[in-house]
N, C-alpha and C. Protein backbone atom coordinates (compact mmCIF):
# COMPACT_ATOMS: atom_id res chain seq x y z
N MET A 1 -6.40 8.14 -26.34
CA MET A 1 -5.79 7.15 -27.21
C MET A 1 -4.33 7.53 -27.40
N SER A 2 -3.44 6.54 -27.36
CA SER A 2 -2.02 6.81 -27.52
C SER A 2 -1.72 7.14 -28.98
N ASP A 3 -0.56 7.75 -29.20
CA ASP A 3 -0.17 8.13 -30.55
C ASP A 3 -0.05 6.92 -31.48
N SER A 4 0.54 5.84 -30.96
CA SER A 4 0.72 4.65 -31.80
C SER A 4 -0.63 4.02 -32.13
N ALA A 5 -1.55 3.99 -31.16
CA ALA A 5 -2.88 3.43 -31.42
C ALA A 5 -3.65 4.31 -32.39
N ARG A 6 -3.50 5.64 -32.25
CA ARG A 6 -4.17 6.56 -33.15
C ARG A 6 -3.63 6.39 -34.57
N ALA A 7 -2.32 6.22 -34.71
CA ALA A 7 -1.72 6.06 -36.03
C ALA A 7 -2.22 4.78 -36.68
N LEU A 8 -2.34 3.70 -35.92
CA LEU A 8 -2.85 2.45 -36.47
C LEU A 8 -4.32 2.56 -36.84
N ALA A 9 -5.10 3.27 -36.03
CA ALA A 9 -6.53 3.43 -36.30
C ALA A 9 -6.76 4.26 -37.56
N GLU A 10 -5.87 5.22 -37.81
CA GLU A 10 -6.02 6.08 -38.98
C GLU A 10 -5.43 5.44 -40.23
N GLY A 11 -4.82 4.28 -40.08
CA GLY A 11 -4.26 3.60 -41.24
C GLY A 11 -2.92 4.16 -41.66
N SER A 12 -2.23 4.83 -40.78
CA SER A 12 -0.94 5.43 -41.10
C SER A 12 0.12 4.34 -41.19
N ASP A 13 1.20 4.64 -41.87
CA ASP A 13 2.31 3.72 -41.98
C ASP A 13 3.30 3.87 -40.83
N ALA A 14 2.93 4.64 -39.80
CA ALA A 14 3.82 4.86 -38.66
C ALA A 14 4.06 3.54 -37.95
N GLU A 15 5.30 3.33 -37.56
CA GLU A 15 5.66 2.09 -36.88
C GLU A 15 5.40 2.21 -35.39
N ALA A 16 5.02 1.08 -34.79
CA ALA A 16 4.85 1.03 -33.34
C ALA A 16 6.23 1.09 -32.70
N PRO A 17 6.32 1.58 -31.47
CA PRO A 17 7.63 1.64 -30.81
C PRO A 17 8.25 0.24 -30.70
N LYS A 18 9.55 0.18 -30.87
CA LYS A 18 10.27 -1.09 -30.81
C LYS A 18 10.37 -1.56 -29.37
N ARG A 19 10.39 -2.87 -29.19
CA ARG A 19 10.59 -3.44 -27.87
C ARG A 19 12.02 -3.21 -27.45
N GLN A 20 12.17 -2.98 -26.17
CA GLN A 20 13.51 -2.80 -25.63
C GLN A 20 14.02 -4.14 -25.16
N ARG A 21 15.15 -4.55 -25.60
CA ARG A 21 15.76 -5.80 -25.16
C ARG A 21 16.82 -5.45 -24.12
N ARG A 22 16.70 -6.04 -22.95
CA ARG A 22 17.64 -5.75 -21.87
C ARG A 22 18.53 -6.95 -21.64
N PRO A 23 19.81 -6.71 -21.42
CA PRO A 23 20.72 -7.83 -21.13
C PRO A 23 20.34 -8.50 -19.82
N VAL A 24 20.69 -9.77 -19.69
CA VAL A 24 20.38 -10.55 -18.49
C VAL A 24 20.98 -9.87 -17.26
N ALA A 25 22.18 -9.34 -17.38
CA ALA A 25 22.83 -8.69 -16.24
C ALA A 25 22.02 -7.49 -15.76
N GLU A 26 21.44 -6.74 -16.69
CA GLU A 26 20.63 -5.57 -16.30
C GLU A 26 19.33 -6.02 -15.65
N LYS A 27 18.70 -7.06 -16.17
CA LYS A 27 17.48 -7.59 -15.56
C LYS A 27 17.78 -8.03 -14.13
N ARG A 28 18.90 -8.76 -13.97
CA ARG A 28 19.28 -9.25 -12.65
C ARG A 28 19.51 -8.09 -11.69
N ARG A 29 20.16 -7.02 -12.15
CA ARG A 29 20.42 -5.85 -11.31
C ARG A 29 19.11 -5.18 -10.89
N ILE A 30 18.16 -5.06 -11.82
CA ILE A 30 16.86 -4.44 -11.52
C ILE A 30 16.09 -5.30 -10.51
N VAL A 31 16.11 -6.61 -10.71
CA VAL A 31 15.42 -7.52 -9.79
C VAL A 31 16.02 -7.43 -8.40
N GLU A 32 17.35 -7.45 -8.31
CA GLU A 32 18.00 -7.38 -7.00
C GLU A 32 17.71 -6.06 -6.31
N GLU A 33 17.59 -4.99 -7.10
CA GLU A 33 17.21 -3.70 -6.52
C GLU A 33 15.78 -3.76 -5.98
N SER A 34 14.90 -4.51 -6.64
CA SER A 34 13.51 -4.60 -6.19
C SER A 34 13.39 -5.40 -4.89
N TYR A 35 14.40 -6.25 -4.60
CA TYR A 35 14.40 -7.03 -3.37
C TYR A 35 15.03 -6.28 -2.20
N ALA A 36 15.62 -5.13 -2.44
CA ALA A 36 16.28 -4.38 -1.36
C ALA A 36 15.25 -3.97 -0.31
N ALA A 37 15.69 -3.90 0.93
CA ALA A 37 14.81 -3.51 2.03
C ALA A 37 14.26 -2.11 1.78
N GLY A 38 12.96 -1.95 1.94
CA GLY A 38 12.32 -0.65 1.80
C GLY A 38 12.00 -0.25 0.37
N SER A 39 12.34 -1.09 -0.62
CA SER A 39 12.04 -0.73 -2.00
C SER A 39 10.69 -1.32 -2.40
N SER A 40 10.13 -0.78 -3.47
CA SER A 40 8.89 -1.35 -4.00
C SER A 40 9.11 -1.62 -5.48
N VAL A 41 8.47 -2.66 -5.97
CA VAL A 41 8.62 -3.04 -7.37
C VAL A 41 8.17 -1.90 -8.27
N ALA A 42 7.09 -1.24 -7.91
CA ALA A 42 6.58 -0.15 -8.75
C ALA A 42 7.60 0.99 -8.88
N ARG A 43 8.22 1.37 -7.76
CA ARG A 43 9.21 2.46 -7.81
C ARG A 43 10.45 2.06 -8.61
N VAL A 44 10.91 0.84 -8.40
CA VAL A 44 12.09 0.36 -9.13
C VAL A 44 11.78 0.31 -10.62
N ALA A 45 10.61 -0.22 -10.97
CA ALA A 45 10.22 -0.31 -12.38
C ALA A 45 10.16 1.07 -13.01
N ARG A 46 9.54 2.00 -12.32
CA ARG A 46 9.41 3.37 -12.84
C ARG A 46 10.78 4.01 -13.04
N ALA A 47 11.70 3.76 -12.10
CA ALA A 47 13.03 4.36 -12.19
C ALA A 47 13.80 3.84 -13.40
N HIS A 48 13.48 2.63 -13.84
CA HIS A 48 14.21 2.03 -14.96
C HIS A 48 13.39 2.04 -16.25
N GLY A 49 12.22 2.66 -16.23
CA GLY A 49 11.39 2.74 -17.44
C GLY A 49 10.84 1.40 -17.87
N VAL A 50 10.49 0.57 -16.89
CA VAL A 50 9.97 -0.77 -17.15
C VAL A 50 8.61 -0.89 -16.50
N ASN A 51 7.74 -1.70 -17.09
CA ASN A 51 6.44 -1.97 -16.49
C ASN A 51 6.65 -2.85 -15.27
N ALA A 52 5.92 -2.60 -14.20
CA ALA A 52 6.06 -3.38 -12.97
C ALA A 52 5.77 -4.86 -13.20
N ASN A 53 4.82 -5.17 -14.09
CA ASN A 53 4.53 -6.58 -14.39
C ASN A 53 5.75 -7.28 -14.97
N GLN A 54 6.53 -6.54 -15.77
CA GLN A 54 7.74 -7.12 -16.34
C GLN A 54 8.75 -7.43 -15.25
N VAL A 55 8.85 -6.54 -14.26
CA VAL A 55 9.78 -6.79 -13.15
C VAL A 55 9.33 -8.02 -12.37
N PHE A 56 8.03 -8.18 -12.16
CA PHE A 56 7.54 -9.38 -11.46
C PHE A 56 7.88 -10.64 -12.26
N THR A 57 7.79 -10.58 -13.58
CA THR A 57 8.17 -11.73 -14.42
C THR A 57 9.65 -12.02 -14.25
N TRP A 58 10.48 -10.99 -14.27
CA TRP A 58 11.92 -11.18 -14.09
C TRP A 58 12.22 -11.74 -12.71
N ARG A 59 11.45 -11.31 -11.70
CA ARG A 59 11.66 -11.84 -10.34
C ARG A 59 11.39 -13.34 -10.30
N ARG A 60 10.33 -13.81 -10.99
CA ARG A 60 10.05 -15.25 -11.04
C ARG A 60 11.19 -15.98 -11.74
N GLN A 61 11.69 -15.41 -12.83
CA GLN A 61 12.81 -16.01 -13.54
C GLN A 61 14.05 -16.05 -12.63
N TYR A 62 14.24 -14.99 -11.90
CA TYR A 62 15.39 -14.90 -10.98
C TYR A 62 15.29 -15.99 -9.91
N GLN A 63 14.10 -16.18 -9.37
CA GLN A 63 13.90 -17.20 -8.33
C GLN A 63 14.16 -18.60 -8.86
N ARG A 64 13.89 -18.81 -10.14
CA ARG A 64 14.13 -20.12 -10.75
C ARG A 64 15.59 -20.29 -11.19
N GLY A 65 16.37 -19.22 -11.03
CA GLY A 65 17.78 -19.29 -11.43
C GLY A 65 18.00 -19.03 -12.91
N LEU A 66 17.00 -18.50 -13.61
CA LEU A 66 17.11 -18.26 -15.05
C LEU A 66 17.85 -16.97 -15.39
N LEU A 67 18.08 -16.13 -14.40
CA LEU A 67 18.83 -14.89 -14.63
C LEU A 67 20.22 -14.97 -13.99
N GLY A 68 20.62 -16.16 -13.62
CA GLY A 68 21.94 -16.32 -13.02
C GLY A 68 22.02 -15.75 -11.62
N GLY A 69 20.89 -15.62 -10.95
CA GLY A 69 20.87 -15.02 -9.62
C GLY A 69 21.14 -16.04 -8.53
N ARG A 70 20.91 -15.61 -7.32
CA ARG A 70 21.11 -16.47 -6.15
C ARG A 70 20.05 -17.55 -6.11
N PRO A 71 20.32 -18.64 -5.39
CA PRO A 71 19.27 -19.64 -5.20
C PRO A 71 18.10 -19.02 -4.43
N ALA A 72 16.91 -19.53 -4.67
CA ALA A 72 15.71 -18.98 -4.04
C ALA A 72 15.78 -18.99 -2.52
N ALA A 73 16.52 -19.94 -1.94
CA ALA A 73 16.60 -20.04 -0.48
C ALA A 73 17.28 -18.83 0.14
N THR A 74 18.10 -18.11 -0.62
CA THR A 74 18.82 -16.96 -0.06
C THR A 74 18.11 -15.64 -0.32
N LEU A 75 16.95 -15.69 -0.99
CA LEU A 75 16.21 -14.45 -1.25
C LEU A 75 15.65 -13.90 0.05
N PRO A 76 15.54 -12.58 0.17
CA PRO A 76 14.96 -12.01 1.38
C PRO A 76 13.49 -12.40 1.51
N VAL A 77 13.07 -12.60 2.72
CA VAL A 77 11.68 -12.94 2.99
C VAL A 77 11.06 -11.83 3.84
N ALA A 78 9.77 -11.78 3.83
CA ALA A 78 9.07 -10.77 4.63
C ALA A 78 9.31 -11.03 6.11
N ALA A 79 9.57 -9.97 6.83
CA ALA A 79 9.79 -10.10 8.26
C ALA A 79 8.45 -10.13 8.98
N LEU A 80 8.34 -10.98 9.97
CA LEU A 80 7.12 -11.07 10.74
C LEU A 80 7.28 -10.27 12.03
N VAL A 81 6.22 -9.67 12.46
CA VAL A 81 6.22 -8.88 13.67
C VAL A 81 5.68 -9.74 14.80
N PRO A 82 6.36 -9.79 15.93
CA PRO A 82 5.84 -10.61 17.03
C PRO A 82 4.52 -10.05 17.57
N VAL A 83 3.62 -10.95 17.90
CA VAL A 83 2.31 -10.56 18.40
C VAL A 83 2.06 -11.29 19.71
N THR A 84 1.53 -10.58 20.68
CA THR A 84 1.13 -11.23 21.93
C THR A 84 -0.37 -11.05 22.09
N VAL A 85 -1.02 -12.11 22.53
CA VAL A 85 -2.46 -12.08 22.72
C VAL A 85 -2.72 -12.07 24.22
N SER A 86 -3.58 -11.14 24.63
CA SER A 86 -3.94 -11.07 26.04
C SER A 86 -5.44 -10.89 26.15
N ASP A 87 -5.94 -11.11 27.34
CA ASP A 87 -7.38 -10.92 27.56
C ASP A 87 -7.68 -9.43 27.50
N ALA A 88 -8.63 -9.07 26.66
CA ALA A 88 -9.03 -7.67 26.55
C ALA A 88 -9.91 -7.32 27.73
N PRO A 89 -9.83 -6.08 28.20
CA PRO A 89 -10.70 -5.69 29.31
C PRO A 89 -12.16 -5.78 28.87
N ALA A 90 -13.02 -6.14 29.80
CA ALA A 90 -14.45 -6.30 29.49
C ALA A 90 -15.06 -4.97 29.07
N ARG A 91 -14.60 -3.89 29.67
CA ARG A 91 -15.13 -2.56 29.33
C ARG A 91 -13.97 -1.64 29.03
N PRO A 92 -14.14 -0.70 28.13
CA PRO A 92 -13.06 0.24 27.87
C PRO A 92 -12.81 1.11 29.09
N GLU A 93 -11.59 1.54 29.24
CA GLU A 93 -11.23 2.40 30.36
C GLU A 93 -11.88 3.78 30.18
N PRO A 94 -12.45 4.34 31.24
CA PRO A 94 -13.04 5.68 31.11
C PRO A 94 -11.95 6.73 30.96
N ILE A 95 -12.30 7.80 30.29
CA ILE A 95 -11.37 8.92 30.14
C ILE A 95 -11.18 9.55 31.50
N ARG A 96 -9.94 9.87 31.80
CA ARG A 96 -9.64 10.45 33.11
C ARG A 96 -10.46 11.72 33.33
N GLY A 97 -11.12 11.79 34.44
CA GLY A 97 -11.88 13.00 34.79
C GLY A 97 -13.31 12.99 34.27
N ALA A 98 -13.68 12.01 33.47
CA ALA A 98 -15.05 11.96 32.95
C ALA A 98 -15.80 10.82 33.64
N ALA A 99 -17.00 11.13 34.07
CA ALA A 99 -17.83 10.12 34.72
C ALA A 99 -18.33 9.13 33.67
N PRO A 100 -18.60 7.89 34.06
CA PRO A 100 -19.15 6.94 33.09
C PRO A 100 -20.44 7.47 32.49
N GLY A 101 -20.62 7.25 31.19
CA GLY A 101 -21.81 7.74 30.51
C GLY A 101 -21.70 9.20 30.10
N THR A 102 -20.50 9.74 30.04
CA THR A 102 -20.29 11.14 29.66
C THR A 102 -19.47 11.21 28.38
N ILE A 103 -19.91 12.07 27.47
CA ILE A 103 -19.15 12.34 26.25
C ILE A 103 -18.70 13.79 26.32
N ARG A 104 -17.41 14.02 26.24
CA ARG A 104 -16.88 15.39 26.26
C ARG A 104 -16.08 15.63 24.99
N LEU A 105 -16.43 16.69 24.28
CA LEU A 105 -15.72 17.06 23.07
C LEU A 105 -15.21 18.49 23.21
N GLN A 106 -13.96 18.71 22.85
CA GLN A 106 -13.34 20.03 22.92
C GLN A 106 -13.19 20.58 21.51
N PHE A 107 -13.68 21.79 21.28
CA PHE A 107 -13.58 22.46 19.99
C PHE A 107 -12.80 23.76 20.15
N ALA A 108 -12.44 24.34 19.04
CA ALA A 108 -11.71 25.60 19.09
C ALA A 108 -12.55 26.71 19.74
N LYS A 109 -13.86 26.69 19.51
CA LYS A 109 -14.73 27.76 20.03
C LYS A 109 -15.54 27.34 21.26
N GLY A 110 -15.26 26.19 21.81
CA GLY A 110 -16.00 25.78 23.00
C GLY A 110 -15.94 24.29 23.20
N ARG A 111 -16.77 23.79 24.12
CA ARG A 111 -16.80 22.35 24.36
C ARG A 111 -18.23 21.87 24.50
N LEU A 112 -18.41 20.58 24.26
CA LEU A 112 -19.71 19.95 24.32
C LEU A 112 -19.61 18.79 25.29
N SER A 113 -20.55 18.70 26.21
CA SER A 113 -20.56 17.63 27.19
C SER A 113 -21.94 17.00 27.21
N ILE A 114 -22.01 15.70 27.00
CA ILE A 114 -23.27 14.96 27.06
C ILE A 114 -23.14 13.99 28.22
N GLU A 115 -24.05 14.09 29.16
CA GLU A 115 -23.95 13.27 30.36
C GLU A 115 -25.15 12.35 30.46
N GLY A 116 -24.95 11.24 31.14
CA GLY A 116 -26.02 10.26 31.31
C GLY A 116 -25.84 9.11 30.35
N ALA A 117 -26.79 8.22 30.37
CA ALA A 117 -26.73 7.06 29.48
C ALA A 117 -26.96 7.52 28.05
N VAL A 118 -26.01 7.25 27.20
CA VAL A 118 -26.11 7.64 25.79
C VAL A 118 -26.30 6.39 24.96
N ASP A 119 -27.46 6.31 24.29
CA ASP A 119 -27.70 5.15 23.45
C ASP A 119 -27.04 5.34 22.08
N ALA A 120 -26.97 4.30 21.32
CA ALA A 120 -26.28 4.32 20.02
C ALA A 120 -26.92 5.31 19.06
N ALA A 121 -28.25 5.41 19.07
CA ALA A 121 -28.93 6.33 18.16
C ALA A 121 -28.58 7.78 18.48
N SER A 122 -28.54 8.14 19.78
CA SER A 122 -28.19 9.51 20.16
C SER A 122 -26.75 9.83 19.78
N LEU A 123 -25.86 8.88 20.01
CA LEU A 123 -24.47 9.09 19.66
C LEU A 123 -24.31 9.28 18.16
N ARG A 124 -25.04 8.51 17.37
CA ARG A 124 -24.99 8.64 15.92
C ARG A 124 -25.43 10.03 15.49
N VAL A 125 -26.52 10.56 16.08
CA VAL A 125 -27.01 11.90 15.74
C VAL A 125 -25.95 12.95 16.05
N VAL A 126 -25.32 12.83 17.23
CA VAL A 126 -24.29 13.81 17.62
C VAL A 126 -23.13 13.75 16.62
N LEU A 127 -22.66 12.57 16.30
CA LEU A 127 -21.53 12.42 15.39
C LEU A 127 -21.86 12.90 13.98
N GLU A 128 -23.07 12.62 13.51
CA GLU A 128 -23.47 13.08 12.18
C GLU A 128 -23.54 14.60 12.12
N CYS A 129 -24.01 15.23 13.20
CA CYS A 129 -24.07 16.69 13.25
C CYS A 129 -22.66 17.29 13.25
N LEU A 130 -21.74 16.64 13.94
CA LEU A 130 -20.37 17.14 13.99
C LEU A 130 -19.66 16.98 12.65
N LEU A 131 -19.96 15.92 11.93
CA LEU A 131 -19.29 15.67 10.65
C LEU A 131 -19.93 16.44 9.50
N ALA A 132 -21.12 16.96 9.71
CA ALA A 132 -21.82 17.68 8.62
C ALA A 132 -21.24 19.03 8.37
């Protein structure tokens, strides 16, 4: 329980902390910092002693022009990464030097090789033993 909540619960006359009023210019500066490339709202909020939800509220106000900021059309947008779609190979490529149906594992103290057709249940047992 926080000190202020404890004081209220005990019936003390202690006052709750006062709200901090920030000038519009400071809100605008914090919001613009949150839009910088590579920044996160949480980090910016923490650096300025503000709750991240408050920064998100200021960002909405900024987008509407209520903080005297830029028009919403000039705000940075998320960059998209180009994607190409191709036909996937029907079967995965075998590991170089390993025959089909072979599992080879290298450990610090040795190696394990399982050869032949390996069904899903056998593979699961091997993996569970290795992870245990």
